Amino acid sequence: MIADTTPSHQAREFCRFLDLIDQRVADELEIHVVLDNVSTHRTAEVQRWQQRHSRLRFHFTPTYNSSMNLIERWFAELTSKWLRRGAHRSVAELTAAVVHWVAA
C-alpha cells in the first residue's frame, strides 16, 4: 500500500501523490487507480497529468454507491480501531498515528 497525508485534497496534492505511486511501482507494470467522484480527481490538471502518464488507468466508482468505495470502509476501520483509541494533541501526532496504522 502506498499512502500519504496532506493538509488539503486539491489537484496539486493529488498529482504529487500520483507521482509517488508512479515512482514506487516498477516501470513495466500498468497501474489501475480506483477513484471516487470527488471533483479533485476530475480537474484539468489531473487530466493533463494522466495524459503524460499513460500506464496509470483511472477507474471511477459509480456515483452514490458508497458500498463500492472500499476506501470508505478502510477509513471507518482506521477511525474505529486506531484514531478513537488515541489522544492526538497535534496534527503531527495524528499524522504519525495514521502512517503507523497504514504500515502495520
N, C-alpha and C. Protein backbone atom coordinates (compact mmCIF):
# COMPACT_ATOMS: atom_id res chain seq x y z
N MET A 1 0.84 -1.17 0.00
CA MET A 1 0.00 0.00 0.00
C MET A 1 0.89 1.24 0.00
N ILE A 2 0.49 2.21 -0.76
CA ILE A 2 1.19 3.49 -0.79
C ILE A 2 0.24 4.53 -0.21
N ALA A 3 0.68 5.21 0.82
CA ALA A 3 -0.17 6.20 1.47
C ALA A 3 0.61 7.49 1.69
N ASP A 4 -0.13 8.57 1.80
CA ASP A 4 0.47 9.87 2.06
C ASP A 4 -0.59 10.73 2.74
N THR A 5 -0.14 11.73 3.47
CA THR A 5 -1.07 12.67 4.09
C THR A 5 -0.74 14.07 3.62
N THR A 6 -1.77 14.87 3.42
CA THR A 6 -1.60 16.26 3.01
C THR A 6 -2.61 17.11 3.78
N PRO A 7 -2.31 18.39 3.95
CA PRO A 7 -3.25 19.23 4.68
C PRO A 7 -4.55 19.51 3.92
N SER A 8 -4.54 19.33 2.61
CA SER A 8 -5.76 19.53 1.83
C SER A 8 -5.80 18.51 0.70
N HIS A 9 -6.92 18.44 0.03
CA HIS A 9 -7.09 17.48 -1.06
C HIS A 9 -7.41 18.26 -2.33
N GLN A 10 -6.37 18.85 -2.89
CA GLN A 10 -6.52 19.61 -4.12
C GLN A 10 -5.76 18.90 -5.23
N ALA A 11 -5.99 19.34 -6.46
CA ALA A 11 -5.39 18.69 -7.62
C ALA A 11 -3.87 18.61 -7.51
N ARG A 12 -3.25 19.67 -7.04
CA ARG A 12 -1.78 19.69 -6.94
C ARG A 12 -1.29 18.56 -6.02
N GLU A 13 -1.90 18.43 -4.85
CA GLU A 13 -1.50 17.37 -3.92
C GLU A 13 -1.81 15.99 -4.50
N PHE A 14 -2.93 15.87 -5.18
CA PHE A 14 -3.29 14.59 -5.76
C PHE A 14 -2.29 14.19 -6.84
N CYS A 15 -1.87 15.13 -7.68
CA CYS A 15 -0.87 14.83 -8.71
C CYS A 15 0.46 14.44 -8.08
N ARG A 16 0.83 15.08 -6.98
CA ARG A 16 2.05 14.68 -6.27
C ARG A 16 1.94 13.25 -5.75
N PHE A 17 0.75 12.88 -5.26
CA PHE A 17 0.54 11.51 -4.80
C PHE A 17 0.63 10.53 -5.98
N LEU A 18 0.08 10.90 -7.11
CA LEU A 18 0.19 10.05 -8.29
C LEU A 18 1.65 9.91 -8.72
N ASP A 19 2.43 10.98 -8.61
CA ASP A 19 3.87 10.90 -8.89
C ASP A 19 4.54 9.90 -7.96
N LEU A 20 4.16 9.92 -6.69
CA LEU A 20 4.71 8.98 -5.71
C LEU A 20 4.40 7.54 -6.11
N ILE A 21 3.17 7.28 -6.50
CA ILE A 21 2.79 5.94 -6.95
C ILE A 21 3.62 5.56 -8.17
N ASP A 22 3.69 6.46 -9.13
CA ASP A 22 4.43 6.20 -10.37
C ASP A 22 5.89 5.87 -10.09
N GLN A 23 6.49 6.54 -9.12
CA GLN A 23 7.90 6.30 -8.78
C GLN A 23 8.10 4.97 -8.07
N ARG A 24 7.15 4.57 -7.25
CA ARG A 24 7.34 3.37 -6.42
C ARG A 24 6.96 2.06 -7.10
N VAL A 25 6.20 2.13 -8.17
CA VAL A 25 5.76 0.91 -8.86
C VAL A 25 6.70 0.66 -10.04
N ALA A 26 7.10 -0.59 -10.20
CA ALA A 26 8.03 -0.97 -11.27
C ALA A 26 7.54 -0.46 -12.62
N ASP A 27 8.47 0.04 -13.42
CA ASP A 27 8.14 0.69 -14.69
C ASP A 27 7.37 -0.21 -15.65
N GLU A 28 7.60 -1.50 -15.61
CA GLU A 28 6.95 -2.39 -16.58
C GLU A 28 5.50 -2.72 -16.22
N LEU A 29 5.03 -2.27 -15.06
CA LEU A 29 3.67 -2.58 -14.63
C LEU A 29 2.70 -1.47 -15.00
N GLU A 30 1.50 -1.88 -15.39
CA GLU A 30 0.41 -0.93 -15.58
C GLU A 30 -0.24 -0.71 -14.21
N ILE A 31 -0.68 0.50 -13.95
CA ILE A 31 -1.24 0.83 -12.64
C ILE A 31 -2.71 1.20 -12.82
N HIS A 32 -3.57 0.55 -12.04
CA HIS A 32 -5.01 0.84 -12.05
C HIS A 32 -5.35 1.54 -10.74
N VAL A 33 -5.91 2.73 -10.85
CA VAL A 33 -6.26 3.54 -9.68
C VAL A 33 -7.77 3.66 -9.63
N VAL A 34 -8.36 3.18 -8.53
CA VAL A 34 -9.81 3.28 -8.34
C VAL A 34 -10.09 4.55 -7.54
N LEU A 35 -10.94 5.40 -8.08
CA LEU A 35 -11.20 6.72 -7.50
C LEU A 35 -12.68 6.94 -7.26
N ASP A 36 -12.98 7.71 -6.21
CA ASP A 36 -14.35 8.16 -6.05
C ASP A 36 -14.56 9.37 -6.95
N ASN A 37 -15.71 9.96 -6.87
CA ASN A 37 -16.06 11.03 -7.81
C ASN A 37 -15.85 12.43 -7.26
N VAL A 38 -14.95 12.58 -6.30
CA VAL A 38 -14.66 13.91 -5.78
C VAL A 38 -14.11 14.77 -6.92
N SER A 39 -14.48 16.02 -6.94
CA SER A 39 -14.14 16.89 -8.08
C SER A 39 -12.63 17.01 -8.31
N THR A 40 -11.84 16.88 -7.27
CA THR A 40 -10.38 16.96 -7.40
C THR A 40 -9.85 15.96 -8.42
N HIS A 41 -10.45 14.78 -8.47
CA HIS A 41 -9.96 13.72 -9.35
C HIS A 41 -10.26 13.98 -10.82
N ARG A 42 -11.08 14.97 -11.11
CA ARG A 42 -11.51 15.22 -12.49
C ARG A 42 -11.08 16.59 -13.03
N THR A 43 -10.16 17.23 -12.35
CA THR A 43 -9.73 18.57 -12.79
C THR A 43 -8.89 18.49 -14.06
N ALA A 44 -8.76 19.62 -14.72
CA ALA A 44 -7.92 19.69 -15.92
C ALA A 44 -6.47 19.36 -15.58
N GLU A 45 -6.01 19.79 -14.42
CA GLU A 45 -4.63 19.50 -14.00
C GLU A 45 -4.40 17.99 -13.89
N VAL A 46 -5.35 17.28 -13.30
CA VAL A 46 -5.22 15.82 -13.16
C VAL A 46 -5.33 15.15 -14.53
N GLN A 47 -6.21 15.63 -15.37
CA GLN A 47 -6.33 15.06 -16.72
C GLN A 47 -5.04 15.24 -17.51
N ARG A 48 -4.42 16.42 -17.39
CA ARG A 48 -3.13 16.63 -18.07
C ARG A 48 -2.07 15.69 -17.52
N TRP A 49 -2.07 15.50 -16.20
CA TRP A 49 -1.10 14.59 -15.58
C TRP A 49 -1.29 13.19 -16.14
N GLN A 50 -2.54 12.74 -16.20
CA GLN A 50 -2.81 11.38 -16.69
C GLN A 50 -2.38 11.21 -18.15
N GLN A 51 -2.57 12.22 -18.97
CA GLN A 51 -2.15 12.14 -20.37
C GLN A 51 -0.65 11.95 -20.51
N ARG A 52 0.12 12.48 -19.56
CA ARG A 52 1.58 12.34 -19.58
C ARG A 52 2.04 11.02 -18.96
N HIS A 53 1.15 10.28 -18.33
CA HIS A 53 1.49 9.03 -17.63
C HIS A 53 0.52 7.94 -18.06
N SER A 54 0.73 7.42 -19.24
CA SER A 54 -0.25 6.52 -19.86
C SER A 54 -0.39 5.17 -19.15
N ARG A 55 0.56 4.79 -18.31
CA ARG A 55 0.43 3.48 -17.66
C ARG A 55 -0.54 3.51 -16.49
N LEU A 56 -0.94 4.68 -16.05
CA LEU A 56 -1.94 4.80 -15.00
C LEU A 56 -3.33 4.86 -15.60
N ARG A 57 -4.17 3.96 -15.18
CA ARG A 57 -5.55 3.90 -15.65
C ARG A 57 -6.46 4.26 -14.48
N PHE A 58 -7.33 5.23 -14.70
CA PHE A 58 -8.27 5.64 -13.66
C PHE A 58 -9.60 4.91 -13.86
N HIS A 59 -10.16 4.44 -12.77
CA HIS A 59 -11.47 3.81 -12.76
C HIS A 59 -12.28 4.51 -11.67
N PHE A 60 -13.43 5.05 -12.03
CA PHE A 60 -14.24 5.79 -11.07
C PHE A 60 -15.38 4.91 -10.56
N THR A 61 -15.60 4.95 -9.25
CA THR A 61 -16.72 4.21 -8.67
C THR A 61 -18.01 4.90 -9.09
N PRO A 62 -19.10 4.14 -9.15
CA PRO A 62 -20.38 4.77 -9.50
C PRO A 62 -20.77 5.84 -8.48
N THR A 63 -21.37 6.89 -8.97
CA THR A 63 -21.84 7.96 -8.09
C THR A 63 -22.91 7.42 -7.14
N TYR A 64 -22.88 7.87 -5.91
CA TYR A 64 -23.85 7.49 -4.88
C TYR A 64 -23.88 5.99 -4.61
N ASN A 65 -22.74 5.33 -4.71
CA ASN A 65 -22.66 3.91 -4.40
C ASN A 65 -21.49 3.69 -3.46
N SER A 66 -21.64 4.10 -2.22
CA SER A 66 -20.54 4.03 -1.27
C SER A 66 -20.13 2.59 -0.96
N SER A 67 -21.02 1.62 -1.19
CA SER A 67 -20.65 0.23 -0.91
C SER A 67 -19.52 -0.24 -1.82
N MET A 68 -19.36 0.39 -2.97
CA MET A 68 -18.27 0.02 -3.88
C MET A 68 -17.01 0.82 -3.61
N ASN A 69 -17.09 1.79 -2.72
CA ASN A 69 -15.94 2.63 -2.42
C ASN A 69 -15.22 2.04 -1.21
N LEU A 70 -14.27 1.16 -1.46
CA LEU A 70 -13.59 0.44 -0.38
C LEU A 70 -12.80 1.35 0.54
N ILE A 71 -12.38 2.50 0.06
CA ILE A 71 -11.61 3.40 0.92
C ILE A 71 -12.47 3.90 2.07
N GLU A 72 -13.78 4.02 1.86
CA GLU A 72 -14.66 4.45 2.94
C GLU A 72 -14.65 3.43 4.07
N ARG A 73 -14.65 2.15 3.73
CA ARG A 73 -14.56 1.09 4.75
C ARG A 73 -13.21 1.13 5.45
N TRP A 74 -12.16 1.39 4.68
CA TRP A 74 -10.82 1.47 5.24
C TRP A 74 -10.73 2.63 6.23
N PHE A 75 -11.28 3.79 5.85
CA PHE A 75 -11.28 4.95 6.76
C PHE A 75 -12.09 4.66 8.01
N ALA A 76 -13.21 3.95 7.87
CA ALA A 76 -14.03 3.61 9.03
C ALA A 76 -13.25 2.72 10.00
N GLU A 77 -12.52 1.75 9.46
CA GLU A 77 -11.71 0.88 10.32
C GLU A 77 -10.58 1.66 10.97
N LEU A 78 -9.91 2.51 10.22
CA LEU A 78 -8.86 3.35 10.78
C LEU A 78 -9.41 4.19 11.93
N THR A 79 -10.56 4.78 11.73
CA THR A 79 -11.16 5.64 12.76
C THR A 79 -11.56 4.85 13.99
N SER A 80 -12.26 3.73 13.80
CA SER A 80 -12.78 2.99 14.95
C SER A 80 -11.70 2.20 15.69
N LYS A 81 -10.73 1.67 14.99
CA LYS A 81 -9.74 0.80 15.63
C LYS A 81 -8.46 1.51 16.03
N TRP A 82 -8.24 2.71 15.52
CA TRP A 82 -6.97 3.36 15.83
C TRP A 82 -7.13 4.79 16.34
N LEU A 83 -7.81 5.60 15.58
CA LEU A 83 -7.84 7.03 15.92
C LEU A 83 -8.66 7.33 17.16
N ARG A 84 -9.80 6.69 17.33
CA ARG A 84 -10.63 6.96 18.50
C ARG A 84 -10.02 6.43 19.79
N ARG A 85 -9.09 5.53 19.68
CA ARG A 85 -8.45 4.95 20.87
C ARG A 85 -7.27 5.76 21.36
N GLY A 86 -6.90 6.77 20.63
CA GLY A 86 -5.72 7.55 21.00
C GLY A 86 -6.07 9.00 21.27
N ALA A 87 -5.16 9.67 21.91
CA ALA A 87 -5.29 11.11 22.14
C ALA A 87 -4.20 11.80 21.34
N HIS A 88 -4.59 12.54 20.36
CA HIS A 88 -3.64 13.19 19.46
C HIS A 88 -3.67 14.69 19.75
N ARG A 89 -2.57 15.19 20.24
CA ARG A 89 -2.50 16.59 20.67
C ARG A 89 -2.10 17.55 19.56
N SER A 90 -1.76 17.02 18.40
CA SER A 90 -1.36 17.89 17.30
C SER A 90 -1.61 17.18 15.97
N VAL A 91 -1.57 17.94 14.91
CA VAL A 91 -1.70 17.36 13.57
C VAL A 91 -0.55 16.40 13.31
N ALA A 92 0.64 16.75 13.78
CA ALA A 92 1.81 15.88 13.60
C ALA A 92 1.60 14.53 14.28
N GLU A 93 1.04 14.53 15.49
CA GLU A 93 0.77 13.26 16.19
C GLU A 93 -0.30 12.45 15.45
N LEU A 94 -1.33 13.12 14.99
CA LEU A 94 -2.38 12.43 14.24
C LEU A 94 -1.81 11.83 12.96
N THR A 95 -1.02 12.59 12.24
CA THR A 95 -0.39 12.10 11.01
C THR A 95 0.49 10.90 11.30
N ALA A 96 1.27 10.96 12.36
CA ALA A 96 2.14 9.84 12.73
C ALA A 96 1.31 8.60 13.05
N ALA A 97 0.17 8.78 13.71
CA ALA A 97 -0.70 7.64 14.03
C ALA A 97 -1.25 7.01 12.77
N VAL A 98 -1.66 7.82 11.81
CA VAL A 98 -2.19 7.30 10.55
C VAL A 98 -1.10 6.55 9.80
N VAL A 99 0.08 7.13 9.70
CA VAL A 99 1.20 6.49 9.00
C VAL A 99 1.55 5.16 9.67
N HIS A 100 1.57 5.13 10.99
CA HIS A 100 1.86 3.90 11.72
C HIS A 100 0.81 2.83 11.42
N TRP A 101 -0.45 3.21 11.42
CA TRP A 101 -1.53 2.25 11.17
C TRP A 101 -1.44 1.69 9.75
N VAL A 102 -1.14 2.54 8.79
CA VAL A 102 -1.02 2.10 7.40
C VAL A 102 0.11 1.09 7.26
N ALA A 103 1.21 1.34 7.95
CA ALA A 103 2.39 0.46 7.85
C ALA A 103 2.19 -0.87 8.56
N ALA A 104 1.26 -0.92 9.49
CA ALA A 104 1.06 -2.15 10.29
C ALA A 104 0.43 -3.27 9.48
